[in-house]
Amino acid sequence: MNLSTMEGVLSKEAIEKNVKETDELLLPVMKAGKEKWPEMSDYFFVMRANIRAVNDTLAAFHGIELKCDDATYPLNI
């Protein structure tokens, strides 16, 4: 399910699962993709920034603690 459409549809537990999986699995892979495929780094930057914004908003709204490894976020996207 799309992160931006799960609010009001999924249970809090399902939202928490999706938010944590996005933070721990998807976002790090996208960050690594910027380095592995430098010709696509702009694409990865934009996609990661947008996904991160929605994910962080859901986490804040539901009180979900994330493992964010980006000490300078949002500058280190």
PDB file of N, CA and C in Angstrom:
ATOM      1  N   MET A   1       0.850  -1.185   0.000  1.00  0.00           N
ATOM      2  CA  MET A   1       0.000   0.000   0.000  1.00  0.00           C
ATOM      3  C   MET A   1       0.888   1.239   0.000  1.00  0.00           C
ATOM      4  N   ASN A   2       0.449   2.255  -0.660  1.00  0.00           N
ATOM      5  CA  ASN A   2       1.164   3.516  -0.726  1.00  0.00           C
ATOM      6  C   ASN A   2       1.167   4.185   0.652  1.00  0.00           C
ATOM      7  N   LEU A   3       2.326   4.677   1.068  1.00  0.00           N
ATOM      8  CA  LEU A   3       2.422   5.336   2.376  1.00  0.00           C
ATOM      9  C   LEU A   3       1.420   6.471   2.532  1.00  0.00           C
ATOM     10  N   SER A   4       1.198   7.205   1.467  1.00  0.00           N
ATOM     11  CA  SER A   4       0.330   8.377   1.577  1.00  0.00           C
ATOM     12  C   SER A   4      -1.154   8.031   1.622  1.00  0.00           C
ATOM     13  N   THR A   5      -1.521   6.786   1.347  1.00  0.00           N
ATOM     14  CA  THR A   5      -2.941   6.426   1.365  1.00  0.00           C
ATOM     15  C   THR A   5      -3.301   5.458   2.493  1.00  0.00           C
ATOM     16  N   MET A   6      -2.344   5.074   3.330  1.00  0.00           N
ATOM     17  CA  MET A   6      -2.653   4.095   4.374  1.00  0.00           C
ATOM     18  C   MET A   6      -3.346   4.698   5.585  1.00  0.00           C
ATOM     19  N   GLU A   7      -3.175   5.986   5.824  1.00  0.00           N
ATOM     20  CA  GLU A   7      -3.803   6.642   6.976  1.00  0.00           C
ATOM     21  C   GLU A   7      -5.320   6.553   6.845  1.00  0.00           C
ATOM     22  N   GLY A   8      -5.972   6.094   7.900  1.00  0.00           N
ATOM     23  CA  GLY A   8      -7.424   5.979   7.894  1.00  0.00           C
ATOM     24  C   GLY A   8      -7.936   4.694   7.279  1.00  0.00           C
ATOM     25  N   VAL A   9      -7.029   3.894   6.699  1.00  0.00           N
ATOM     26  CA  VAL A   9      -7.417   2.635   6.071  1.00  0.00           C
ATOM     27  C   VAL A   9      -6.839   1.456   6.856  1.00  0.00           C
ATOM     28  N   LEU A  10      -5.554   1.536   7.176  1.00  0.00           N
ATOM     29  CA  LEU A  10      -4.884   0.454   7.903  1.00  0.00           C
ATOM     30  C   LEU A  10      -4.927   0.691   9.406  1.00  0.00           C
ATOM     31  N   SER A  11      -4.752  -0.380  10.149  1.00  0.00           N
ATOM     32  CA  SER A  11      -4.675  -0.270  11.602  1.00  0.00           C
ATOM     33  C   SER A  11      -3.362   0.412  11.996  1.00  0.00           C
ATOM     34  N   LYS A  12      -3.310   0.901  13.233  1.00  0.00           N
ATOM     35  CA  LYS A  12      -2.085   1.537  13.722  1.00  0.00           C
ATOM     36  C   LYS A  12      -0.908   0.573  13.652  1.00  0.00           C
ATOM     37  N   GLU A  13      -1.151  -0.697  13.943  1.00  0.00           N
ATOM     38  CA  GLU A  13      -0.092  -1.710  13.907  1.00  0.00           C
ATOM     39  C   GLU A  13       0.441  -1.897  12.488  1.00  0.00           C
ATOM     40  N   ALA A  14      -0.449  -1.928  11.521  1.00  0.00           N
ATOM     41  CA  ALA A  14      -0.033  -2.093  10.124  1.00  0.00           C
ATOM     42  C   ALA A  14       0.728  -0.865   9.634  1.00  0.00           C
ATOM     43  N   ILE A  15       0.276   0.310  10.030  1.00  0.00           N
ATOM     44  CA  ILE A  15       0.980   1.537   9.664  1.00  0.00           C
ATOM     45  C   ILE A  15       2.373   1.529  10.271  1.00  0.00           C
ATOM     46  N   GLU A  16       2.461   1.160  11.555  1.00  0.00           N
ATOM     47  CA  GLU A  16       3.763   1.119  12.221  1.00  0.00           C
ATOM     48  C   GLU A  16       4.710   0.147  11.513  1.00  0.00           C
ATOM     49  N   LYS A  17       4.207  -1.016  11.127  1.00  0.00           N
ATOM     50  CA  LYS A  17       5.022  -2.002  10.416  1.00  0.00           C
ATOM     51  C   LYS A  17       5.544  -1.423   9.108  1.00  0.00           C
ATOM     52  N   ASN A  18       4.678  -0.780   8.334  1.00  0.00           N
ATOM     53  CA  ASN A  18       5.072  -0.209   7.051  1.00  0.00           C
ATOM     54  C   ASN A  18       6.065   0.936   7.222  1.00  0.00           C
ATOM     55  N   VAL A  19       5.838   1.789   8.204  1.00  0.00           N
ATOM     56  CA  VAL A  19       6.720   2.930   8.449  1.00  0.00           C
ATOM     57  C   VAL A  19       8.113   2.439   8.849  1.00  0.00           C
ATOM     58  N   LYS A  20       8.171   1.454   9.743  1.00  0.00           N
ATOM     59  CA  LYS A  20       9.464   0.925  10.180  1.00  0.00           C
ATOM     60  C   LYS A  20      10.190   0.207   9.042  1.00  0.00           C
ATOM     61  N   GLU A  21       9.471  -0.554   8.239  1.00  0.00           N
ATOM     62  CA  GLU A  21      10.095  -1.235   7.097  1.00  0.00           C
ATOM     63  C   GLU A  21      10.647  -0.231   6.098  1.00  0.00           C
ATOM     64  N   THR A  22       9.922   0.832   5.873  1.00  0.00           N
ATOM     65  CA  THR A  22      10.401   1.866   4.962  1.00  0.00           C
ATOM     66  C   THR A  22      11.677   2.495   5.496  1.00  0.00           C
ATOM     67  N   ASP A  23      11.692   2.797   6.796  1.00  0.00           N
ATOM     68  CA  ASP A  23      12.855   3.426   7.418  1.00  0.00           C
ATOM     69  C   ASP A  23      14.066   2.496   7.442  1.00  0.00           C
ATOM     70  N   GLU A  24      13.848   1.228   7.731  1.00  0.00           N
ATOM     71  CA  GLU A  24      14.959   0.297   7.936  1.00  0.00           C
ATOM     72  C   GLU A  24      15.393  -0.431   6.666  1.00  0.00           C
ATOM     73  N   LEU A  25      14.500  -0.563   5.692  1.00  0.00           N
ATOM     74  CA  LEU A  25      14.829  -1.330   4.493  1.00  0.00           C
ATOM     75  C   LEU A  25      14.894  -0.487   3.218  1.00  0.00           C
ATOM     76  N   LEU A  26      13.823   0.213   2.910  1.00  0.00           N
ATOM     77  CA  LEU A  26      13.762   0.928   1.634  1.00  0.00           C
ATOM     78  C   LEU A  26      14.688   2.136   1.572  1.00  0.00           C
ATOM     79  N   LEU A  27      14.623   3.004   2.572  1.00  0.00           N
ATOM     80  CA  LEU A  27      15.425   4.230   2.514  1.00  0.00           C
ATOM     81  C   LEU A  27      16.929   3.966   2.465  1.00  0.00           C
ATOM     82  N   PRO A  28      17.463   3.019   3.242  1.00  0.00           N
ATOM     83  CA  PRO A  28      18.899   2.736   3.121  1.00  0.00           C
ATOM     84  C   PRO A  28      19.299   2.196   1.742  1.00  0.00           C
ATOM     85  N   VAL A  29      18.434   1.388   1.130  1.00  0.00           N
ATOM     86  CA  VAL A  29      18.727   0.863  -0.203  1.00  0.00           C
ATOM     87  C   VAL A  29      18.752   2.001  -1.219  1.00  0.00           C
ATOM     88  N   MET A  30      17.826   2.928  -1.090  1.00  0.00           N
ATOM     89  CA  MET A  30      17.801   4.067  -2.007  1.00  0.00           C
ATOM     90  C   MET A  30      19.030   4.960  -1.811  1.00  0.00           C
ATOM     91  N   LYS A  31      19.469   5.096  -0.583  1.00  0.00           N
ATOM     92  CA  LYS A  31      20.670   5.879  -0.312  1.00  0.00           C
ATOM     93  C   LYS A  31      21.892   5.216  -0.954  1.00  0.00           C
ATOM     94  N   ALA A  32      21.987   3.898  -0.825  1.00  0.00           N
ATOM     95  CA  ALA A  32      23.094   3.160  -1.435  1.00  0.00           C
ATOM     96  C   ALA A  32      23.020   3.236  -2.963  1.00  0.00           C
ATOM     97  N   GLY A  33      21.813   3.276  -3.495  1.00  0.00           N
ATOM     98  CA  GLY A  33      21.633   3.371  -4.943  1.00  0.00           C
ATOM     99  C   GLY A  33      22.226   4.642  -5.521  1.00  0.00           C
ATOM    100  N   LYS A  34      22.191   5.726  -4.745  1.00  0.00           N
ATOM    101  CA  LYS A  34      22.785   6.986  -5.214  1.00  0.00           C
ATOM    102  C   LYS A  34      24.276   6.813  -5.487  1.00  0.00           C
ATOM    103  N   GLU A  35      24.940   6.004  -4.680  1.00  0.00           N
ATOM    104  CA  GLU A  35      26.375   5.794  -4.841  1.00  0.00           C
ATOM    105  C   GLU A  35      26.670   4.752  -5.919  1.00  0.00           C
ATOM    106  N   LYS A  36      25.842   3.719  -5.983  1.00  0.00           N
ATOM    107  CA  LYS A  36      26.070   2.648  -6.952  1.00  0.00           C
ATOM    108  C   LYS A  36      25.782   3.105  -8.382  1.00  0.00           C
ATOM    109  N   TRP A  37      24.762   3.930  -8.553  1.00  0.00           N
ATOM    110  CA  TRP A  37      24.387   4.429  -9.873  1.00  0.00           C
ATOM    111  C   TRP A  37      24.398   5.961  -9.864  1.00  0.00           C
ATOM    112  N   PRO A  38      25.566   6.568  -9.923  1.00  0.00           N
ATOM    113  CA  PRO A  38      25.659   8.031  -9.827  1.00  0.00           C
ATOM    114  C   PRO A  38      24.874   8.766 -10.916  1.00  0.00           C
ATOM    115  N   GLU A  39      24.699   8.134 -12.061  1.00  0.00           N
ATOM    116  CA  GLU A  39      23.939   8.786 -13.136  1.00  0.00           C
ATOM    117  C   GLU A  39      22.458   8.926 -12.771  1.00  0.00           C
ATOM    118  N   MET A  40      22.012   8.179 -11.762  1.00  0.00           N
ATOM    119  CA  MET A  40      20.619   8.257 -11.325  1.00  0.00           C
ATOM    120  C   MET A  40      20.487   8.885  -9.944  1.00  0.00           C
ATOM    121  N   SER A  41      21.551   9.525  -9.465  1.00  0.00           N
ATOM    122  CA  SER A  41      21.533  10.055  -8.103  1.00  0.00           C
ATOM    123  C   SER A  41      20.459  11.124  -7.899  1.00  0.00           C
ATOM    124  N   ASP A  42      20.178  11.920  -8.921  1.00  0.00           N
ATOM    125  CA  ASP A  42      19.116  12.930  -8.783  1.00  0.00           C
ATOM    126  C   ASP A  42      17.753  12.265  -8.581  1.00  0.00           C
ATOM    127  N   TYR A  43      17.511  11.200  -9.323  1.00  0.00           N
ATOM    128  CA  TYR A  43      16.266  10.452  -9.188  1.00  0.00           C
ATOM    129  C   TYR A  43      16.142   9.894  -7.766  1.00  0.00           C
ATOM    130  N   PHE A  44      17.207   9.257  -7.294  1.00  0.00           N
ATOM    131  CA  PHE A  44      17.178   8.694  -5.949  1.00  0.00           C
ATOM    132  C   PHE A  44      16.981   9.777  -4.891  1.00  0.00           C
ATOM    133  N   PHE A  45      17.608  10.915  -5.079  1.00  0.00           N
ATOM    134  CA  PHE A  45      17.477  12.013  -4.128  1.00  0.00           C
ATOM    135  C   PHE A  45      16.026  12.466  -4.013  1.00  0.00           C
ATOM    136  N   VAL A  46      15.389  12.717  -5.148  1.00  0.00           N
ATOM    137  CA  VAL A  46      14.005  13.207  -5.153  1.00  0.00           C
ATOM    138  C   VAL A  46      13.047  12.157  -4.581  1.00  0.00           C
ATOM    139  N   MET A  47      13.189  10.925  -5.022  1.00  0.00           N
ATOM    140  CA  MET A  47      12.299   9.869  -4.536  1.00  0.00           C
ATOM    141  C   MET A  47      12.491   9.644  -3.039  1.00  0.00           C
ATOM    142  N   ARG A  48      13.737   9.598  -2.601  1.00  0.00           N
ATOM    143  CA  ARG A  48      14.012   9.352  -1.180  1.00  0.00           C
ATOM    144  C   ARG A  48      13.500  10.507  -0.315  1.00  0.00           C
ATOM    145  N   ALA A  49      13.684  11.722  -0.776  1.00  0.00           N
ATOM    146  CA  ALA A  49      13.229  12.884  -0.014  1.00  0.00           C
ATOM    147  C   ALA A  49      11.711  12.867   0.151  1.00  0.00           C
ATOM    148  N   ASN A  50      10.997  12.530  -0.912  1.00  0.00           N
ATOM    149  CA  ASN A  50       9.535  12.497  -0.847  1.00  0.00           C
ATOM    150  C   ASN A  50       9.032  11.351   0.026  1.00  0.00           C
ATOM    151  N   ILE A  51       9.604  10.182  -0.131  1.00  0.00           N
ATOM    152  CA  ILE A  51       9.197   9.039   0.693  1.00  0.00           C
ATOM    153  C   ILE A  51       9.525   9.318   2.150  1.00  0.00           C
ATOM    154  N   ARG A  52      10.702   9.885   2.380  1.00  0.00           N
ATOM    155  CA  ARG A  52      11.131  10.181   3.753  1.00  0.00           C
ATOM    156  C   ARG A  52      10.187  11.178   4.427  1.00  0.00           C
ATOM    157  N   ALA A  53       9.753  12.183   3.688  1.00  0.00           N
ATOM    158  CA  ALA A  53       8.858  13.193   4.255  1.00  0.00           C
ATOM    159  C   ALA A  53       7.531  12.579   4.700  1.00  0.00           C
ATOM    160  N   VAL A  54       6.941  11.747   3.857  1.00  0.00           N
ATOM    161  CA  VAL A  54       5.672  11.101   4.201  1.00  0.00           C
ATOM    162  C   VAL A  54       5.882  10.131   5.362  1.00  0.00           C
ATOM    163  N   ASN A  55       6.967   9.356   5.303  1.00  0.00           N
ATOM    164  CA  ASN A  55       7.244   8.372   6.347  1.00  0.00           C
ATOM    165  C   ASN A  55       7.461   9.047   7.703  1.00  0.00           C
ATOM    166  N   ASP A  56       8.238  10.113   7.718  1.00  0.00           N
ATOM    167  CA  ASP A  56       8.498  10.829   8.966  1.00  0.00           C
ATOM    168  C   ASP A  56       7.236  11.473   9.529  1.00  0.00           C
ATOM    169  N   THR A  57       6.364  11.945   8.653  1.00  0.00           N
ATOM    170  CA  THR A  57       5.101  12.537   9.089  1.00  0.00           C
ATOM    171  C   THR A  57       4.224  11.476   9.748  1.00  0.00           C
ATOM    172  N   LEU A  58       4.110  10.315   9.124  1.00  0.00           N
ATOM    173  CA  LEU A  58       3.328   9.225   9.714  1.00  0.00           C
ATOM    174  C   LEU A  58       3.930   8.788  11.048  1.00  0.00           C
ATOM    175  N   ALA A  59       5.252   8.696  11.110  1.00  0.00           N
ATOM    176  CA  ALA A  59       5.915   8.287  12.352  1.00  0.00           C
ATOM    177  C   ALA A  59       5.622   9.286  13.467  1.00  0.00           C
ATOM    178  N   ALA A  60       5.707  10.566  13.174  1.00  0.00           N
ATOM    179  CA  ALA A  60       5.450  11.592  14.189  1.00  0.00           C
ATOM    180  C   ALA A  60       3.992  11.551  14.646  1.00  0.00           C
ATOM    181  N   PHE A  61       3.075  11.406  13.701  1.00  0.00           N
ATOM    182  CA  PHE A  61       1.651  11.395  14.018  1.00  0.00           C
ATOM    183  C   PHE A  61       1.277  10.211  14.916  1.00  0.00           C
ATOM    184  N   HIS A  62       1.917   9.071  14.668  1.00  0.00           N
ATOM    185  CA  HIS A  62       1.582   7.848  15.411  1.00  0.00           C
ATOM    186  C   HIS A  62       2.558   7.553  16.544  1.00  0.00           C
ATOM    187  N   GLY A  63       3.514   8.434  16.782  1.00  0.00           N
ATOM    188  CA  GLY A  63       4.467   8.229  17.868  1.00  0.00           C
ATOM    189  C   GLY A  63       5.391   7.040  17.647  1.00  0.00           C
ATOM    190  N   ILE A  64       5.778   6.831  16.400  1.00  0.00           N
ATOM    191  CA  ILE A  64       6.656   5.716  16.038  1.00  0.00           C
ATOM    192  C   ILE A  64       8.097   6.206  16.036  1.00  0.00           C
ATOM    193  N   GLU A  65       8.952   5.521  16.784  1.00  0.00           N
ATOM    194  CA  GLU A  65      10.360   5.910  16.828  1.00  0.00           C
ATOM    195  C   GLU A  65      11.102   5.243  15.671  1.00  0.00           C
ATOM    196  N   LEU A  66      11.827   6.062  14.912  1.00  0.00           N
ATOM    197  CA  LEU A  66      12.584   5.556  13.771  1.00  0.00           C
ATOM    198  C   LEU A  66      14.064   5.465  14.113  1.00  0.00           C
ATOM    199  N   LYS A  67      14.772   4.644  13.347  1.00  0.00           N
ATOM    200  CA  LYS A  67      16.206   4.449  13.566  1.00  0.00           C
ATOM    201  C   LYS A  67      17.052   5.373  12.704  1.00  0.00           C
ATOM    202  N   CYS A  68      16.502   6.446  12.248  1.00  0.00           N
ATOM    203  CA  CYS A  68      17.161   7.394  11.342  1.00  0.00           C
ATOM    204  C   CYS A  68      18.677   7.425  11.533  1.00  0.00           C
ATOM    205  N   ASP A  69      19.411   7.103  10.476  1.00  0.00           N
ATOM    206  CA  ASP A  69      20.868   7.125  10.541  1.00  0.00           C
ATOM    207  C   ASP A  69      21.448   8.385   9.919  1.00  0.00           C
ATOM    208  N   ASP A  70      20.600   9.275   9.504  1.00  0.00           N
ATOM    209  CA  ASP A  70      21.053  10.502   8.860  1.00  0.00           C
ATOM    210  C   ASP A  70      21.138  11.627   9.886  1.00  0.00           C
ATOM    211  N   ALA A  71      22.320  11.841  10.416  1.00  0.00           N
ATOM    212  CA  ALA A  71      22.507  12.826  11.494  1.00  0.00           C
ATOM    213  C   ALA A  71      22.155  14.238  11.066  1.00  0.00           C
ATOM    214  N   THR A  72      22.260  14.521   9.792  1.00  0.00           N
ATOM    215  CA  THR A  72      22.008  15.890   9.337  1.00  0.00           C
ATOM    216  C   THR A  72      20.728  16.008   8.529  1.00  0.00           C
ATOM    217  N   TYR A  73      19.847  15.043   8.649  1.00  0.00           N
ATOM    218  CA  TYR A  73      18.585  15.124   7.903  1.00  0.00           C
ATOM    219  C   TYR A  73      17.890  16.437   8.213  1.00  0.00           C
ATOM    220  N   PRO A  74      17.350  17.153   7.245  1.00  0.00           N
ATOM    221  CA  PRO A  74      17.091  16.742   5.880  1.00  0.00           C
ATOM    222  C   PRO A  74      18.226  17.039   4.899  1.00  0.00           C
ATOM    223  N   LEU A  75      19.335  17.578   5.353  1.00  0.00           N
ATOM    224  CA  LEU A  75      20.414  17.929   4.437  1.00  0.00           C
ATOM    225  C   LEU A  75      21.135  16.716   3.866  1.00  0.00           C
ATOM    226  N   ASN A  76      21.153  15.609   4.574  1.00  0.00           N
ATOM    227  CA  ASN A  76      21.885  14.426   4.145  1.00  0.00           C
ATOM    228  C   ASN A  76      20.954  13.384   3.554  1.00  0.00           C
ATOM    229  N   ILE A  77      20.147  13.780   2.606  1.00  0.00           N
ATOM    230  CA  ILE A  77      19.209  12.860   1.991  1.00  0.00           C
ATOM    231  C   ILE A  77      19.942  12.115   0.912  1.00  0.00           C
TER     232      ILE A  77
END
